[in-house]
C-alpha atoms as a PDB file:
ATOM      1  CA  MET A   1     -46.301 -26.282 -17.517  1.00  0.00           C
ATOM      2  CA  ASP A   2     -43.922 -26.702 -20.083  1.00  0.00           C
ATOM      3  CA  ARG A   3     -40.404 -25.833 -19.430  1.00  0.00           C
ATOM      4  CA  LEU A   4     -38.898 -22.954 -21.633  1.00  0.00           C
ATOM      5  CA  LYS A   5     -36.152 -24.403 -23.669  1.00  0.00           C
ATOM      6  CA  ILE A   6     -33.222 -22.362 -23.356  1.00  0.00           C
ATOM      7  CA  GLY A   7     -29.571 -22.644 -24.898  1.00  0.00           C
ATOM      8  CA  ILE A   8     -26.793 -21.263 -22.786  1.00  0.00           C
ATOM      9  CA  ILE A   9     -23.683 -20.780 -24.696  1.00  0.00           C
ATOM     10  CA  PHE A  10     -20.285 -20.280 -22.893  1.00  0.00           C
ATOM     11  CA  GLY A  11     -16.385 -20.789 -23.162  1.00  0.00           C
ATOM     12  CA  GLY A  12     -15.068 -19.271 -26.085  1.00  0.00           C
ATOM     13  CA  SER A  13     -12.036 -18.945 -28.155  1.00  0.00           C
ATOM     14  CA  SER A  14     -10.776 -15.758 -26.346  1.00  0.00           C
ATOM     15  CA  GLU A  15      -8.579 -15.290 -23.390  1.00  0.00           C
ATOM     16  CA  GLU A  16     -11.618 -15.013 -21.407  1.00  0.00           C
ATOM     17  CA  HIS A  17     -12.749 -18.619 -21.912  1.00  0.00           C
ATOM     18  CA  PRO A  18     -12.087 -19.405 -18.218  1.00  0.00           C
ATOM     19  CA  ILE A  19     -14.013 -16.451 -16.888  1.00  0.00           C
ATOM     20  CA  SER A  20     -17.221 -17.607 -19.324  1.00  0.00           C
ATOM     21  CA  VAL A  21     -17.242 -21.160 -18.063  1.00  0.00           C
ATOM     22  CA  LYS A  22     -17.063 -20.163 -14.000  1.00  0.00           C
ATOM     23  CA  SER A  23     -19.981 -17.720 -14.857  1.00  0.00           C
ATOM     24  CA  ALA A  24     -21.722 -20.903 -16.642  1.00  0.00           C
ATOM     25  CA  ARG A  25     -21.554 -22.768 -13.642  1.00  0.00           C
ATOM     26  CA  GLU A  26     -23.143 -19.833 -11.619  1.00  0.00           C
ATOM     27  CA  VAL A  27     -25.794 -19.669 -14.421  1.00  0.00           C
ATOM     28  CA  ALA A  28     -26.099 -23.422 -13.653  1.00  0.00           C
ATOM     29  CA  ARG A  29     -26.400 -23.294  -9.471  1.00  0.00           C
ATOM     30  CA  ASN A  30     -28.933 -20.901  -9.906  1.00  0.00           C
ATOM     31  CA  LEU A  31     -30.918 -21.589 -13.172  1.00  0.00           C
ATOM     32  CA  ASP A  32     -34.847 -22.695 -11.809  1.00  0.00           C
ATOM     33  CA  LEU A  33     -35.358 -26.089 -13.317  1.00  0.00           C
ATOM     34  CA  GLU A  34     -39.011 -25.702 -13.245  1.00  0.00           C
ATOM     35  CA  LYS A  35     -38.894 -23.247 -15.482  1.00  0.00           C
ATOM     36  CA  TYR A  36     -36.351 -23.707 -17.582  1.00  0.00           C
ATOM     37  CA  GLU A  37     -34.907 -27.098 -19.615  1.00  0.00           C
ATOM     38  CA  PRO A  38     -31.060 -26.015 -20.273  1.00  0.00           C
ATOM     39  CA  PHE A  39     -28.905 -26.958 -23.065  1.00  0.00           C
ATOM     40  CA  TRP A  40     -25.318 -26.340 -22.729  1.00  0.00           C
ATOM     41  CA  ILE A  41     -23.584 -25.113 -25.640  1.00  0.00           C
ATOM     42  CA  GLY A  42     -19.892 -24.912 -24.946  1.00  0.00           C
ATOM     43  CA  ILE A  43     -17.485 -23.605 -27.384  1.00  0.00           C
ATOM     44  CA  THR A  44     -13.722 -24.519 -26.838  1.00  0.00           C
ATOM     45  CA  ARG A  45     -10.531 -22.518 -27.009  1.00  0.00           C
ATOM     46  CA  SER A  46      -9.936 -23.807 -30.417  1.00  0.00           C
ATOM     47  CA  GLY A  47     -13.539 -22.871 -31.579  1.00  0.00           C
ATOM     48  CA  ALA A  48     -15.573 -26.238 -31.833  1.00  0.00           C
ATOM     49  CA  TRP A  49     -19.270 -26.001 -30.539  1.00  0.00           C
ATOM     50  CA  LYS A  50     -20.401 -28.832 -28.711  1.00  0.00           C
ATOM     51  CA  LEU A  51     -23.671 -29.901 -26.793  1.00  0.00           C
ATOM     52  CA  CYS A  52     -22.875 -31.073 -23.536  1.00  0.00           C
ATOM     53  CA  ASP A  53     -24.568 -32.114 -20.030  1.00  0.00           C
ATOM     54  CA  ASP A  54     -22.946 -29.320 -17.946  1.00  0.00           C
ATOM     55  CA  PRO A  55     -20.657 -26.382 -18.119  1.00  0.00           C
ATOM     56  CA  ASP A  56     -18.037 -27.918 -14.920  1.00  0.00           C
ATOM     57  CA  ALA A  57     -14.724 -27.510 -15.360  1.00  0.00           C
ATOM     58  CA  GLN A  58     -14.315 -30.904 -17.327  1.00  0.00           C
ATOM     59  CA  TRP A  59     -16.868 -30.393 -19.718  1.00  0.00           C
ATOM     60  CA  GLU A  60     -14.649 -30.850 -22.721  1.00  0.00           C
ATOM     61  CA  ASN A  61     -13.335 -33.781 -21.429  1.00  0.00           C
ATOM     62  CA  ARG A  62     -16.825 -35.700 -21.067  1.00  0.00           C
ATOM     63  CA  ARG A  63     -19.114 -36.785 -23.538  1.00  0.00           C
ATOM     64  CA  CYS A  64     -20.124 -33.918 -25.968  1.00  0.00           C
ATOM     65  CA  GLN A  65     -21.845 -34.089 -29.254  1.00  0.00           C
ATOM     66  CA  PRO A  66     -21.083 -31.656 -32.151  1.00  0.00           C
ATOM     67  CA  ALA A  67     -23.554 -28.540 -32.257  1.00  0.00           C
ATOM     68  CA  VAL A  68     -24.068 -25.391 -33.733  1.00  0.00           C
ATOM     69  CA  VAL A  69     -26.843 -22.686 -33.655  1.00  0.00           C
ATOM     70  CA  SER A  70     -28.493 -22.617 -37.280  1.00  0.00           C
ATOM     71  CA  PRO A  71     -28.913 -19.466 -39.294  1.00  0.00           C
ATOM     72  CA  ASP A  72     -32.062 -21.213 -40.800  1.00  0.00           C
ATOM     73  CA  ARG A  73     -35.251 -19.936 -39.246  1.00  0.00           C
ATOM     74  CA  SER A  74     -36.825 -22.558 -39.784  1.00  0.00           C
ATOM     75  CA  VAL A  75     -34.800 -24.714 -37.564  1.00  0.00           C
ATOM     76  CA  HIS A  76     -34.992 -22.238 -34.623  1.00  0.00           C
ATOM     77  CA  GLY A  77     -32.451 -23.752 -32.378  1.00  0.00           C
ATOM     78  CA  LEU A  78     -29.676 -26.614 -32.591  1.00  0.00           C
ATOM     79  CA  LEU A  79     -28.490 -28.752 -35.121  1.00  0.00           C
ATOM     80  CA  VAL A  80     -26.598 -31.701 -33.066  1.00  0.00           C
ATOM     81  CA  LEU A  81     -24.761 -34.202 -35.136  1.00  0.00           C
ATOM     82  CA  GLU A  82     -25.842 -38.117 -33.621  1.00  0.00           C
ATOM     83  CA  GLN A  83     -24.181 -40.897 -35.922  1.00  0.00           C
ATOM     84  CA  GLU A  84     -23.383 -38.824 -38.697  1.00  0.00           C
ATOM     85  CA  HIS A  85     -26.736 -37.509 -39.266  1.00  0.00           C
ATOM     86  CA  TYR A  86     -28.325 -34.335 -37.887  1.00  0.00           C
ATOM     87  CA  LYS A  87     -30.908 -33.457 -35.455  1.00  0.00           C
ATOM     88  CA  MET A  88     -32.977 -30.445 -34.549  1.00  0.00           C
ATOM     89  CA  ILE A  89     -33.793 -28.910 -31.244  1.00  0.00           C
ATOM     90  CA  ARG A  90     -36.078 -26.097 -31.227  1.00  0.00           C
ATOM     91  CA  LEU A  91     -34.734 -23.479 -28.765  1.00  0.00           C
ATOM     92  CA  ASP A  92     -36.970 -20.369 -27.012  1.00  0.00           C
ATOM     93  CA  VAL A  93     -34.233 -18.479 -26.066  1.00  0.00           C
ATOM     94  CA  VAL A  94     -30.414 -18.405 -25.977  1.00  0.00           C
ATOM     95  CA  PHE A  95     -28.558 -16.931 -23.307  1.00  0.00           C
ATOM     96  CA  PRO A  96     -25.102 -16.192 -24.478  1.00  0.00           C
ATOM     97  CA  VAL A  97     -22.517 -16.284 -21.455  1.00  0.00           C
ATOM     98  CA  LEU A  98     -19.484 -14.910 -23.484  1.00  0.00           C
ATOM     99  CA  TYR A  99     -16.645 -12.416 -23.039  1.00  0.00           C
ATOM    100  CA  GLY A 100     -14.415 -11.001 -25.236  1.00  0.00           C
ATOM    101  CA  ARG A 101     -13.942 -11.092 -29.439  1.00  0.00           C
ATOM    102  CA  LEU A 102     -16.129 -13.444 -30.928  1.00  0.00           C
ATOM    103  CA  GLY A 103     -18.684 -13.770 -27.832  1.00  0.00           C
ATOM    104  CA  GLU A 104     -19.662 -10.293 -27.219  1.00  0.00           C
ATOM    105  CA  ASP A 105     -18.424  -7.920 -29.847  1.00  0.00           C
ATOM    106  CA  GLY A 106     -21.757  -8.509 -32.016  1.00  0.00           C
ATOM    107  CA  ALA A 107     -20.617 -12.001 -33.766  1.00  0.00           C
ATOM    108  CA  VAL A 108     -22.548 -14.280 -31.694  1.00  0.00           C
ATOM    109  CA  GLN A 109     -25.292 -12.006 -31.576  1.00  0.00           C
ATOM    110  CA  GLY A 110     -25.516 -11.825 -35.395  1.00  0.00           C
ATOM    111  CA  LEU A 111     -25.504 -15.147 -35.841  1.00  0.00           C
ATOM    112  CA  LEU A 112     -28.639 -15.313 -33.303  1.00  0.00           C
ATOM    113  CA  GLU A 113     -30.304 -12.685 -35.282  1.00  0.00           C
ATOM    114  CA  LEU A 114     -30.553 -14.671 -38.355  1.00  0.00           C
ATOM    115  CA  SER A 115     -31.729 -17.738 -36.641  1.00  0.00           C
ATOM    116  CA  GLY A 116     -34.220 -15.565 -35.099  1.00  0.00           C
ATOM    117  CA  ILE A 117     -33.811 -17.002 -31.740  1.00  0.00           C
ATOM    118  CA  PRO A 118     -34.632 -14.387 -28.796  1.00  0.00           C
ATOM    119  CA  TYR A 119     -31.593 -13.846 -27.120  1.00  0.00           C
ATOM    120  CA  VAL A 120     -30.810 -12.036 -24.085  1.00  0.00           C
ATOM    121  CA  GLY A 121     -28.138  -8.970 -23.829  1.00  0.00           C
ATOM    122  CA  CYS A 122     -27.359  -6.380 -26.441  1.00  0.00           C
ATOM    123  CA  ASP A 123     -28.171  -6.440 -30.080  1.00  0.00           C
ATOM    124  CA  VAL A 124     -25.469  -6.973 -32.978  1.00  0.00           C
ATOM    125  CA  GLN A 125     -25.100  -2.722 -33.277  1.00  0.00           C
ATOM    126  CA  SER A 126     -24.666  -2.020 -29.517  1.00  0.00           C
ATOM    127  CA  SER A 127     -22.491  -5.227 -28.662  1.00  0.00           C
ATOM    128  CA  ALA A 128     -19.852  -4.350 -31.376  1.00  0.00           C
ATOM    129  CA  LEU A 129     -19.566  -0.431 -30.352  1.00  0.00           C
ATOM    130  CA  CYS A 130     -19.440  -1.338 -26.703  1.00  0.00           C
ATOM    131  CA  MET A 131     -16.775  -3.818 -27.235  1.00  0.00           C
ATOM    132  CA  ASP A 132     -14.251  -1.184 -28.958  1.00  0.00           C
ATOM    133  CA  LYS A 133     -13.237   1.420 -26.635  1.00  0.00           C
ATOM    134  CA  SER A 134     -11.713   3.433 -29.422  1.00  0.00           C
ATOM    135  CA  LEU A 135     -15.341   3.515 -30.950  1.00  0.00           C
ATOM    136  CA  ALA A 136     -17.202   4.028 -27.411  1.00  0.00           C
ATOM    137  CA  TYR A 137     -14.954   7.143 -26.456  1.00  0.00           C
ATOM    138  CA  ILE A 138     -16.022   8.770 -30.156  1.00  0.00           C
ATOM    139  CA  VAL A 139     -19.967   8.026 -29.932  1.00  0.00           C
ATOM    140  CA  ALA A 140     -19.843   9.063 -26.036  1.00  0.00           C
ATOM    141  CA  ARG A 141     -18.200  12.207 -26.672  1.00  0.00           C
ATOM    142  CA  THR A 142     -20.499  13.074 -29.808  1.00  0.00           C
ATOM    143  CA  ALA A 143     -23.165  12.748 -27.481  1.00  0.00           C
ATOM    144  CA  GLY A 144     -21.617  14.974 -24.985  1.00  0.00           C
ATOM    145  CA  ILE A 145     -20.861  12.421 -22.341  1.00  0.00           C
ATOM    146  CA  ALA A 146     -17.171  13.319 -20.458  1.00  0.00           C
ATOM    147  CA  THR A 147     -14.642  10.921 -21.231  1.00  0.00           C
ATOM    148  CA  PRO A 148     -11.058  11.053 -20.168  1.00  0.00           C
ATOM    149  CA  ASN A 149      -8.152  12.211 -23.038  1.00  0.00           C
ATOM    150  CA  TYR A 150      -7.458   9.328 -25.183  1.00  0.00           C
ATOM    151  CA  TRP A 151      -5.237   8.383 -27.973  1.00  0.00           C
ATOM    152  CA  VAL A 152      -5.415   5.535 -30.395  1.00  0.00           C
ATOM    153  CA  VAL A 153      -2.566   3.759 -31.564  1.00  0.00           C
ATOM    154  CA  ALA A 154      -2.793   1.437 -35.087  1.00  0.00           C
ATOM    155  CA  ALA A 155      -1.105  -1.719 -35.244  1.00  0.00           C
ATOM    156  CA  ASN A 156       2.245  -0.673 -36.698  1.00  0.00           C
ATOM    157  CA  GLU A 157       1.831   3.052 -35.553  1.00  0.00           C
ATOM    158  CA  LYS A 158       4.688   4.264 -33.210  1.00  0.00           C
ATOM    159  CA  ILE A 159       4.418   6.966 -30.554  1.00  0.00           C
ATOM    160  CA  ASP A 160       6.273   9.570 -29.071  1.00  0.00           C
ATOM    161  CA  PRO A 161       6.765   8.992 -25.797  1.00  0.00           C
ATOM    162  CA  ASP A 162       7.277  12.592 -24.988  1.00  0.00           C
ATOM    163  CA  ARG A 163       3.920  13.806 -26.110  1.00  0.00           C
ATOM    164  CA  LEU A 164       2.127  11.603 -23.231  1.00  0.00           C
ATOM    165  CA  PRO A 165       1.033  13.468 -19.807  1.00  0.00           C
ATOM    166  CA  TYR A 166       1.653  10.756 -17.163  1.00  0.00           C
ATOM    167  CA  PRO A 167       1.095   8.553 -15.469  1.00  0.00           C
ATOM    168  CA  VAL A 168      -1.001   6.948 -18.186  1.00  0.00           C
ATOM    169  CA  PHE A 169      -3.259   3.244 -18.757  1.00  0.00           C
ATOM    170  CA  VAL A 170      -2.268   1.494 -22.243  1.00  0.00           C
ATOM    171  CA  LYS A 171      -4.940  -1.004 -22.816  1.00  0.00           C
ATOM    172  CA  PRO A 172      -5.992  -3.231 -25.931  1.00  0.00           C
ATOM    173  CA  ALA A 173      -9.592  -1.657 -27.855  1.00  0.00           C
ATOM    174  CA  ARG A 174     -11.106  -4.646 -27.768  1.00  0.00           C
ATOM    175  CA  SER A 175     -10.412  -6.629 -25.103  1.00  0.00           C
ATOM    176  CA  GLY A 176     -12.607  -6.887 -21.421  1.00  0.00           C
ATOM    177  CA  SER A 177     -11.846  -8.301 -18.019  1.00  0.00           C
ATOM    178  CA  SER A 178      -8.498  -6.166 -17.468  1.00  0.00           C
ATOM    179  CA  PHE A 179      -6.163  -8.301 -20.054  1.00  0.00           C
ATOM    180  CA  GLY A 180      -3.475  -6.611 -21.565  1.00  0.00           C
ATOM    181  CA  VAL A 181      -3.840  -3.422 -19.325  1.00  0.00           C
ATOM    182  CA  SER A 182      -0.678  -1.240 -17.830  1.00  0.00           C
ATOM    183  CA  LYS A 183      -0.407   1.665 -15.759  1.00  0.00           C
ATOM    184  CA  VAL A 184       2.769   3.620 -17.101  1.00  0.00           C
ATOM    185  CA  SER A 185       4.289   5.979 -14.707  1.00  0.00           C
ATOM    186  CA  CYS A 186       7.162   7.218 -17.093  1.00  0.00           C
ATOM    187  CA  THR A 187       8.490   6.795 -21.024  1.00  0.00           C
ATOM    188  CA  GLU A 188      10.445   3.728 -20.108  1.00  0.00           C
ATOM    189  CA  GLU A 189       7.308   1.638 -19.496  1.00  0.00           C
ATOM    190  CA  LEU A 190       5.713   2.452 -22.642  1.00  0.00           C
ATOM    191  CA  PRO A 191       7.319   0.156 -25.231  1.00  0.00           C
ATOM    192  CA  GLY A 192       6.228  -2.604 -22.826  1.00  0.00           C
ATOM    193  CA  ALA A 193       3.147  -1.374 -22.015  1.00  0.00           C
ATOM    194  CA  MET A 194       2.323  -1.185 -25.775  1.00  0.00           C
ATOM    195  CA  GLU A 195       3.789  -5.145 -26.206  1.00  0.00           C
ATOM    196  CA  THR A 196       1.336  -6.476 -23.698  1.00  0.00           C
ATOM    197  CA  ALA A 197      -1.702  -4.577 -25.108  1.00  0.00           C
ATOM    198  CA  ARG A 198      -1.032  -5.917 -28.635  1.00  0.00           C
ATOM    199  CA  GLN A 199      -0.980  -9.174 -27.345  1.00  0.00           C
ATOM    200  CA  TYR A 200      -4.550  -9.224 -27.173  1.00  0.00           C
ATOM    201  CA  ASP A 201      -5.200  -6.683 -30.077  1.00  0.00           C
ATOM    202  CA  SER A 202      -3.840  -5.333 -32.897  1.00  0.00           C
END
């Protein structure tokens, strides 16, 4: 029986890069190689895409080949650079094991929609909506789902600390894995929490 060719994308340029690599290693440990032929597509912190042998902790330092998922539906897979020429590898499905911006916010999902390759997980619209907490709250409230009270603060906007009922939580609108999240118990703690959150989102 022919094995399904599965492209597994991991790494990424967000702060959640190491979490993604760790998750990919778990996939590698549990993937049934009698059913699936894996192609490990690592994205470096700087955003370079590479086809590598496996997602171990040192994958970026091992032999890897530059590779991209082609948006051309006739390719339906990867373009891999070999000796100044590209070869095509057709994929049956892609499993994005990515977190954070440019990973689970609809960007990669949009590329996969263009490519015509089936993929695991949410579609473009769902990914973009769920990644942005400010939009997700609006949609949830509109649907009648209870949410906590919240305030969205723009990049250069200042907020009056006295208007908030403490304690409050300050978090980036578009980040995950609790990066940039702070519990604020009094007005004096608010500026530092805002600065921390803005390190991960504008």
